[in-house]
C-alpha atoms as a PDB file:
ATOM      1  CA  MET A   1      10.988  12.811   7.026  1.00  0.00           C
ATOM      2  CA  LEU A   2      10.255  10.255   9.800  1.00  0.00           C
ATOM      3  CA  ARG A   3      10.857   7.427   7.561  1.00  0.00           C
ATOM      4  CA  SER A   4      14.257   8.556   6.687  1.00  0.00           C
ATOM      5  CA  CYS A   5      15.219   7.981  10.671  1.00  0.00           C
ATOM      6  CA  VAL A   6      13.489   4.668  11.205  1.00  0.00           C
ATOM      7  CA  ILE A   7      16.392   2.893   9.695  1.00  0.00           C
ATOM      8  CA  ASP A   8      19.130   4.113  12.229  1.00  0.00           C
ATOM      9  CA  PHE A   9      17.072   3.375  15.445  1.00  0.00           C
ATOM     10  CA  GLY A  10      15.203   0.098  14.182  1.00  0.00           C
ATOM     11  CA  GLY A  11      12.527  -0.966  16.441  1.00  0.00           C
ATOM     12  CA  SER A  12      13.451   1.680  18.971  1.00  0.00           C
ATOM     13  CA  TRP A  13      12.405   4.604  16.408  1.00  0.00           C
ATOM     14  CA  ASP A  14       9.574   5.692  18.688  1.00  0.00           C
ATOM     15  CA  THR A  15      11.417   6.164  21.741  1.00  0.00           C
ATOM     16  CA  HIS A  16      13.533   8.719  19.577  1.00  0.00           C
ATOM     17  CA  LEU A  17      10.641  10.729  18.573  1.00  0.00           C
ATOM     18  CA  PRO A  18      11.434  13.516  21.146  1.00  0.00           C
ATOM     19  CA  LEU A  19      14.769  13.968  19.502  1.00  0.00           C
ATOM     20  CA  ILE A  20      13.332  13.729  16.021  1.00  0.00           C
ATOM     21  CA  GLU A  21      11.251  16.621  17.002  1.00  0.00           C
ATOM     22  CA  PHE A  22      13.887  18.486  18.781  1.00  0.00           C
ATOM     23  CA  SER A  23      16.213  18.253  15.724  1.00  0.00           C
ATOM     24  CA  TYR A  24      13.239  19.507  13.099  1.00  0.00           C
ATOM     25  CA  ASN A  25      12.066  22.323  15.436  1.00  0.00           C
ATOM     26  CA  ASN A  26      15.826  23.610  15.759  1.00  0.00           C
ATOM     27  CA  SER A  27      16.764  23.407  12.288  1.00  0.00           C
ATOM     28  CA  TYR A  28      17.398  26.225  10.085  1.00  0.00           C
ATOM     29  CA  HIS A  29      14.474  26.759   7.498  1.00  0.00           C
ATOM     30  CA  THR A  30      15.355  28.889   4.545  1.00  0.00           C
ATOM     31  CA  SER A  31      11.759  30.072   4.159  1.00  0.00           C
ATOM     32  CA  ILE A  32      11.784  31.693   7.727  1.00  0.00           C
ATOM     33  CA  GLN A  33      15.460  32.496   7.799  1.00  0.00           C
ATOM     34  CA  CYS A  34      15.793  30.773  11.194  1.00  0.00           C
ATOM     35  CA  ALA A  35      14.849  27.712  12.969  1.00  0.00           C
ATOM     36  CA  PRO A  36      10.716  27.321  13.953  1.00  0.00           C
ATOM     37  CA  PHE A  37      11.723  27.084  17.692  1.00  0.00           C
ATOM     38  CA  GLU A  38      13.550  30.575  17.380  1.00  0.00           C
ATOM     39  CA  ALA A  39      10.577  32.056  15.136  1.00  0.00           C
ATOM     40  CA  LEU A  40       7.895  31.088  17.735  1.00  0.00           C
ATOM     41  CA  TYR A  41       9.882  32.069  21.051  1.00  0.00           C
ATOM     42  CA  GLY A  42      12.152  34.631  19.618  1.00  0.00           C
ATOM     43  CA  ARG A  43      15.230  32.772  21.248  1.00  0.00           C
ATOM     44  CA  LYS A  44      17.389  29.572  20.282  1.00  0.00           C
ATOM     45  CA  CYS A  45      16.163  26.584  22.306  1.00  0.00           C
ATOM     46  CA  ARG A  46      18.312  25.940  25.334  1.00  0.00           C
ATOM     47  CA  SER A  47      18.744  21.985  26.021  1.00  0.00           C
ATOM     48  CA  PRO A  48      21.269  19.854  28.009  1.00  0.00           C
ATOM     49  CA  VAL A  49      23.144  19.337  24.402  1.00  0.00           C
ATOM     50  CA  CYS A  50      23.879  22.931  24.121  1.00  0.00           C
ATOM     51  CA  TRP A  51      24.134  24.344  27.535  1.00  0.00           C
ATOM     52  CA  THR A  52      27.790  23.887  27.485  1.00  0.00           C
ATOM     53  CA  GLU A  53      27.999  26.059  24.568  1.00  0.00           C
ATOM     54  CA  ILE A  54      26.060  28.821  26.164  1.00  0.00           C
ATOM     55  CA  GLY A  55      28.014  28.622  29.294  1.00  0.00           C
ATOM     56  CA  ASP A  56      25.487  27.607  32.046  1.00  0.00           C
ATOM     57  CA  SER A  57      26.811  24.778  34.374  1.00  0.00           C
ATOM     58  CA  GLN A  58      26.835  21.185  33.289  1.00  0.00           C
ATOM     59  CA  VAL A  59      23.941  19.315  34.933  1.00  0.00           C
ATOM     60  CA  VAL A  60      23.987  16.065  33.074  1.00  0.00           C
ATOM     61  CA  GLY A  61      27.034  13.473  32.570  1.00  0.00           C
ATOM     62  CA  PRO A  62      29.198  13.664  29.513  1.00  0.00           C
ATOM     63  CA  GLU A  63      28.403  10.557  28.290  1.00  0.00           C
ATOM     64  CA  LEU A  64      24.290  11.109  28.059  1.00  0.00           C
ATOM     65  CA  ILE A  65      25.660  14.625  26.232  1.00  0.00           C
ATOM     66  CA  GLN A  66      27.690  12.897  23.632  1.00  0.00           C
ATOM     67  CA  GLU A  67      25.297  10.022  23.164  1.00  0.00           C
ATOM     68  CA  THR A  68      22.239  12.409  22.521  1.00  0.00           C
ATOM     69  CA  SER A  69      24.518  14.864  20.353  1.00  0.00           C
ATOM     70  CA  ASP A  70      25.319  11.837  18.267  1.00  0.00           C
ATOM     71  CA  LYS A  71      21.738  10.623  17.732  1.00  0.00           C
ATOM     72  CA  ILE A  72      20.644  14.182  17.039  1.00  0.00           C
ATOM     73  CA  THR A  73      23.630  14.609  14.388  1.00  0.00           C
ATOM     74  CA  ILE A  74      22.292  11.541  12.581  1.00  0.00           C
ATOM     75  CA  ILE A  75      18.836  12.740  12.680  1.00  0.00           C
ATOM     76  CA  GLN A  76      19.627  15.986  11.160  1.00  0.00           C
ATOM     77  CA  SER A  77      21.717  14.303   8.320  1.00  0.00           C
ATOM     78  CA  ARG A  78      18.717  12.381   7.500  1.00  0.00           C
ATOM     79  CA  LEU A  79      16.335  15.131   7.692  1.00  0.00           C
ATOM     80  CA  LYS A  80      18.392  17.124   5.280  1.00  0.00           C
ATOM     81  CA  ALA A  81      18.781  13.991   3.121  1.00  0.00           C
ATOM     82  CA  ALA A  82      14.947  13.539   2.939  1.00  0.00           C
ATOM     83  CA  ARG A  83      14.760  17.578   2.122  1.00  0.00           C
ATOM     84  CA  ASP A  84      17.256  17.389  -0.626  1.00  0.00           C
ATOM     85  CA  TRP A  85      15.448  14.569  -2.143  1.00  0.00           C
ATOM     86  CA  GLN A  86      11.907  16.080  -1.977  1.00  0.00           C
ATOM     87  CA  LYS A  87      13.564  19.451  -3.546  1.00  0.00           C
ATOM     88  CA  SER A  88      15.141  17.297  -6.497  1.00  0.00           C
ATOM     89  CA  TYR A  89      11.886  15.432  -6.915  1.00  0.00           C
ATOM     90  CA  ALA A  90      10.106  18.616  -7.218  1.00  0.00           C
ATOM     91  CA  ASP A  91      12.070  20.455  -9.458  1.00  0.00           C
ATOM     92  CA  ARG A  92      12.015  17.719 -11.936  1.00  0.00           C
ATOM     93  CA  ARG A  93       8.476  17.840 -12.099  1.00  0.00           C
ATOM     94  CA  ARG A  94       7.703  21.632 -11.765  1.00  0.00           C
ATOM     95  CA  LYS A  95       6.960  23.329 -14.940  1.00  0.00           C
ATOM     96  CA  PRO A  96       6.270  27.062 -15.029  1.00  0.00           C
ATOM     97  CA  LEU A  97       2.565  27.672 -15.493  1.00  0.00           C
ATOM     98  CA  GLU A  98       1.315  30.691 -17.421  1.00  0.00           C
ATOM     99  CA  PHE A  99      -1.823  31.986 -18.670  1.00  0.00           C
ATOM    100  CA  GLN A 100      -2.775  34.730 -21.158  1.00  0.00           C
ATOM    101  CA  VAL A 101      -5.340  37.610 -20.723  1.00  0.00           C
ATOM    102  CA  GLY A 102      -8.690  36.026 -21.599  1.00  0.00           C
ATOM    103  CA  ASP A 103      -8.331  32.732 -20.671  1.00  0.00           C
ATOM    104  CA  ARG A 104     -10.625  31.074 -18.447  1.00  0.00           C
ATOM    105  CA  VAL A 105      -9.292  29.100 -15.227  1.00  0.00           C
ATOM    106  CA  LEU A 106     -10.603  27.391 -12.090  1.00  0.00           C
ATOM    107  CA  LEU A 107      -9.751  28.550  -8.478  1.00  0.00           C
ATOM    108  CA  LYS A 108      -8.710  26.449  -5.891  1.00  0.00           C
ATOM    109  CA  VAL A 109     -10.262  26.469  -2.385  1.00  0.00           C
ATOM    110  CA  SER A 110      -9.440  25.355   0.794  1.00  0.00           C
ATOM    111  CA  PRO A 111     -11.390  22.237   1.640  1.00  0.00           C
ATOM    112  CA  TRP A 112     -11.116  22.665   5.723  1.00  0.00           C
ATOM    113  CA  LYS A 113     -13.954  21.148   7.887  1.00  0.00           C
ATOM    114  CA  GLY A 114     -16.209  24.222   9.084  1.00  0.00           C
ATOM    115  CA  VAL A 115     -14.307  26.545   7.112  1.00  0.00           C
ATOM    116  CA  VAL A 116     -16.149  28.557   4.347  1.00  0.00           C
ATOM    117  CA  ARG A 117     -14.170  29.454   1.374  1.00  0.00           C
ATOM    118  CA  PHE A 118     -15.653  31.373  -1.504  1.00  0.00           C
ATOM    119  CA  GLY A 119     -19.125  30.392  -0.436  1.00  0.00           C
ATOM    120  CA  LYS A 120     -18.156  26.537  -0.273  1.00  0.00           C
ATOM    121  CA  LYS A 121     -17.953  24.809   3.007  1.00  0.00           C
ATOM    122  CA  GLY A 122     -16.756  21.363   4.192  1.00  0.00           C
ATOM    123  CA  LYS A 123     -14.317  19.000   3.342  1.00  0.00           C
ATOM    124  CA  LEU A 124     -16.600  17.483   0.435  1.00  0.00           C
ATOM    125  CA  ALA A 125     -16.997  20.864  -1.144  1.00  0.00           C
ATOM    126  CA  PRO A 126     -15.543  21.267  -4.724  1.00  0.00           C
ATOM    127  CA  ARG A 127     -11.705  21.518  -4.852  1.00  0.00           C
ATOM    128  CA  TYR A 128     -12.149  24.212  -7.580  1.00  0.00           C
ATOM    129  CA  VAL A 129     -14.639  26.923  -8.581  1.00  0.00           C
ATOM    130  CA  GLY A 130     -15.324  28.789 -11.600  1.00  0.00           C
ATOM    131  CA  PRO A 131     -14.283  28.695 -14.402  1.00  0.00           C
ATOM    132  CA  PHE A 132     -13.382  32.799 -14.291  1.00  0.00           C
ATOM    133  CA  GLU A 133     -11.915  34.941 -16.868  1.00  0.00           C
ATOM    134  CA  ILE A 134      -8.335  36.262 -16.292  1.00  0.00           C
ATOM    135  CA  LEU A 135      -8.537  40.264 -16.750  1.00  0.00           C
ATOM    136  CA  GLU A 136      -4.740  41.031 -16.069  1.00  0.00           C
ATOM    137  CA  ARG A 137      -1.543  39.692 -15.300  1.00  0.00           C
ATOM    138  CA  ILE A 138       0.228  40.839 -11.786  1.00  0.00           C
ATOM    139  CA  GLY A 139       3.839  40.462 -11.825  1.00  0.00           C
ATOM    140  CA  PRO A 140       5.320  37.097 -13.241  1.00  0.00           C
ATOM    141  CA  VAL A 141       3.231  34.684 -10.783  1.00  0.00           C
ATOM    142  CA  ALA A 142      -0.102  36.235  -9.998  1.00  0.00           C
ATOM    143  CA  TYR A 143      -3.272  37.068 -11.970  1.00  0.00           C
ATOM    144  CA  LYS A 144      -6.474  39.211 -11.675  1.00  0.00           C
ATOM    145  CA  LEU A 145      -9.651  37.337 -12.222  1.00  0.00           C
ATOM    146  CA  LYS A 146     -13.272  38.553 -13.160  1.00  0.00           C
ATOM    147  CA  LEU A 147     -15.164  37.253 -10.274  1.00  0.00           C
ATOM    148  CA  PRO A 148     -18.863  37.295 -10.103  1.00  0.00           C
ATOM    149  CA  VAL A 149     -21.079  39.673  -7.933  1.00  0.00           C
ATOM    150  CA  GLU A 150     -21.567  36.978  -4.930  1.00  0.00           C
ATOM    151  CA  LEU A 151     -17.576  36.928  -4.661  1.00  0.00           C
ATOM    152  CA  SER A 152     -17.111  40.980  -4.672  1.00  0.00           C
ATOM    153  CA  ASN A 153     -15.694  40.603  -0.977  1.00  0.00           C
ATOM    154  CA  VAL A 154     -12.942  38.449  -2.113  1.00  0.00           C
ATOM    155  CA  HIS A 155      -9.902  39.843  -3.367  1.00  0.00           C
ATOM    156  CA  ASP A 156      -9.459  39.347  -7.036  1.00  0.00           C
ATOM    157  CA  THR A 157      -5.769  38.623  -7.392  1.00  0.00           C
ATOM    158  CA  PHE A 158      -4.492  35.055  -7.065  1.00  0.00           C
ATOM    159  CA  HIS A 159      -1.253  33.141  -6.976  1.00  0.00           C
ATOM    160  CA  VAL A 160      -0.720  30.909 -10.003  1.00  0.00           C
ATOM    161  CA  SER A 161      -0.537  27.906  -7.942  1.00  0.00           C
ATOM    162  CA  ASN A 162      -4.215  28.527  -6.897  1.00  0.00           C
ATOM    163  CA  LEU A 163      -5.038  28.457 -10.386  1.00  0.00           C
ATOM    164  CA  LYS A 164      -5.932  25.404 -13.112  1.00  0.00           C
ATOM    165  CA  LYS A 165      -6.743  26.011 -16.851  1.00  0.00           C
ATOM    166  CA  CYS A 166     -10.153  25.239 -17.790  1.00  0.00           C
ATOM    167  CA  LEU A 167     -10.567  23.170 -20.719  1.00  0.00           C
ATOM    168  CA  ALA A 168     -14.087  23.199 -21.401  1.00  0.00           C
ATOM    169  CA  ASP A 169     -15.573  23.782 -24.571  1.00  0.00           C
ATOM    170  CA  HIS A 170     -18.078  26.876 -24.757  1.00  0.00           C
ATOM    171  CA  ASP A 171     -19.824  25.543 -27.693  1.00  0.00           C
ATOM    172  CA  VAL A 172     -21.000  22.177 -25.818  1.00  0.00           C
ATOM    173  CA  GLN A 173     -21.975  24.014 -22.611  1.00  0.00           C
ATOM    174  CA  ILE A 174     -25.736  24.231 -21.629  1.00  0.00           C
ATOM    175  CA  PRO A 175     -26.513  27.132 -19.359  1.00  0.00           C
ATOM    176  CA  LEU A 176     -28.012  25.601 -15.931  1.00  0.00           C
ATOM    177  CA  GLU A 177     -31.010  28.296 -16.436  1.00  0.00           C
ATOM    178  CA  ASP A 178     -32.095  26.066 -19.392  1.00  0.00           C
ATOM    179  CA  ILE A 179     -32.121  22.964 -17.274  1.00  0.00           C
ATOM    180  CA  GLN A 180     -34.938  22.184 -15.092  1.00  0.00           C
ATOM    181  CA  ILE A 181     -33.593  20.072 -12.068  1.00  0.00           C
ATOM    182  CA  GLN A 182     -35.844  17.972 -10.287  1.00  0.00           C
ATOM    183  CA  ASN A 183     -35.464  17.199  -6.431  1.00  0.00           C
ATOM    184  CA  ASN A 184     -33.652  14.054  -6.966  1.00  0.00           C
ATOM    185  CA  MET A 185     -31.085  15.954  -9.128  1.00  0.00           C
ATOM    186  CA  GLN A 186     -32.462  14.295 -12.584  1.00  0.00           C
ATOM    187  CA  PHE A 187     -33.806  16.279 -15.553  1.00  0.00           C
ATOM    188  CA  ILE A 188     -36.089  15.231 -18.413  1.00  0.00           C
ATOM    189  CA  GLU A 189     -34.252  15.877 -21.948  1.00  0.00           C
ATOM    190  CA  ARG A 190     -36.838  17.063 -24.358  1.00  0.00           C
ATOM    191  CA  PRO A 191     -35.952  16.840 -27.995  1.00  0.00           C
ATOM    192  CA  VAL A 192     -36.012  20.157 -30.146  1.00  0.00           C
ATOM    193  CA  GLU A 193     -36.207  18.349 -33.539  1.00  0.00           C
ATOM    194  CA  ILE A 194     -36.673  15.210 -35.120  1.00  0.00           C
ATOM    195  CA  MET A 195     -33.769  14.788 -37.896  1.00  0.00           C
ATOM    196  CA  ASP A 196     -34.871  11.105 -38.857  1.00  0.00           C
ATOM    197  CA  HIS A 197     -36.560   7.907 -37.980  1.00  0.00           C
ATOM    198  CA  GLY A 198     -36.636   4.474 -38.622  1.00  0.00           C
ATOM    199  CA  VAL A 199     -37.395   0.810 -37.439  1.00  0.00           C
ATOM    200  CA  LYS A 200     -34.587  -1.954 -36.484  1.00  0.00           C
ATOM    201  CA  LYS A 201     -35.655  -5.387 -37.038  1.00  0.00           C
ATOM    202  CA  LEU A 202     -34.994  -8.188 -34.762  1.00  0.00           C
ATOM    203  CA  LYS A 203     -36.068 -11.772 -35.210  1.00  0.00           C
ATOM    204  CA  ARG A 204     -39.238 -11.424 -33.672  1.00  0.00           C
ATOM    205  CA  SER A 205     -39.440  -7.590 -32.729  1.00  0.00           C
ATOM    206  CA  ARG A 206     -39.460  -4.156 -34.349  1.00  0.00           C
ATOM    207  CA  ILE A 207     -37.758  -1.335 -32.503  1.00  0.00           C
ATOM    208  CA  PRO A 208     -38.485   2.208 -33.502  1.00  0.00           C
ATOM    209  CA  ILE A 209     -35.438   4.617 -33.676  1.00  0.00           C
ATOM    210  CA  VAL A 210     -35.533   8.248 -33.852  1.00  0.00           C
ATOM    211  CA  LYS A 211     -32.706  10.852 -34.379  1.00  0.00           C
ATOM    212  CA  VAL A 212     -33.152  14.000 -32.617  1.00  0.00           C
END
């Protein structure tokens, strides 16, 4: 949004940041059905631009009010154009995401620094945890998951935007209990059965080959 206002003000865009902030905080937002300033303070913002509309005495010159009003109008039009473009771009790429009961999904967690989400802490923590099985569909955009015991204190119903389909193949998954991890995060893979063996001949050496 800020980028959309830079062209109109050229090299002096940084001096217009207060006006841009004012325009954003006093623009009507559909999600909250009012302006952010009104939602925070419970009343409309009073400024030199709108004092004449409210009925208070005029404390600044008409030229300054007209100039400021023109700039705010330009900023508001640019912000609206930026929001419309973002909405059209999101609508083109957005696809309805649906799951079936029994599907396994990954659950998105918030990687906020110093905040624990589902037992994961820090910005470098995994962005998704799981997989978890879907037990029930709750309405058109929510699903109930089968969470483990350690997450029993977490509400088990999540919005579809927090879920991602798990594409793992159960036939090739190895349980962690069957692997002995060393302190350096390595493990020794021991063969279960020797299927075949042979010798690869090079010019001056022989290399034994074993299929396990």
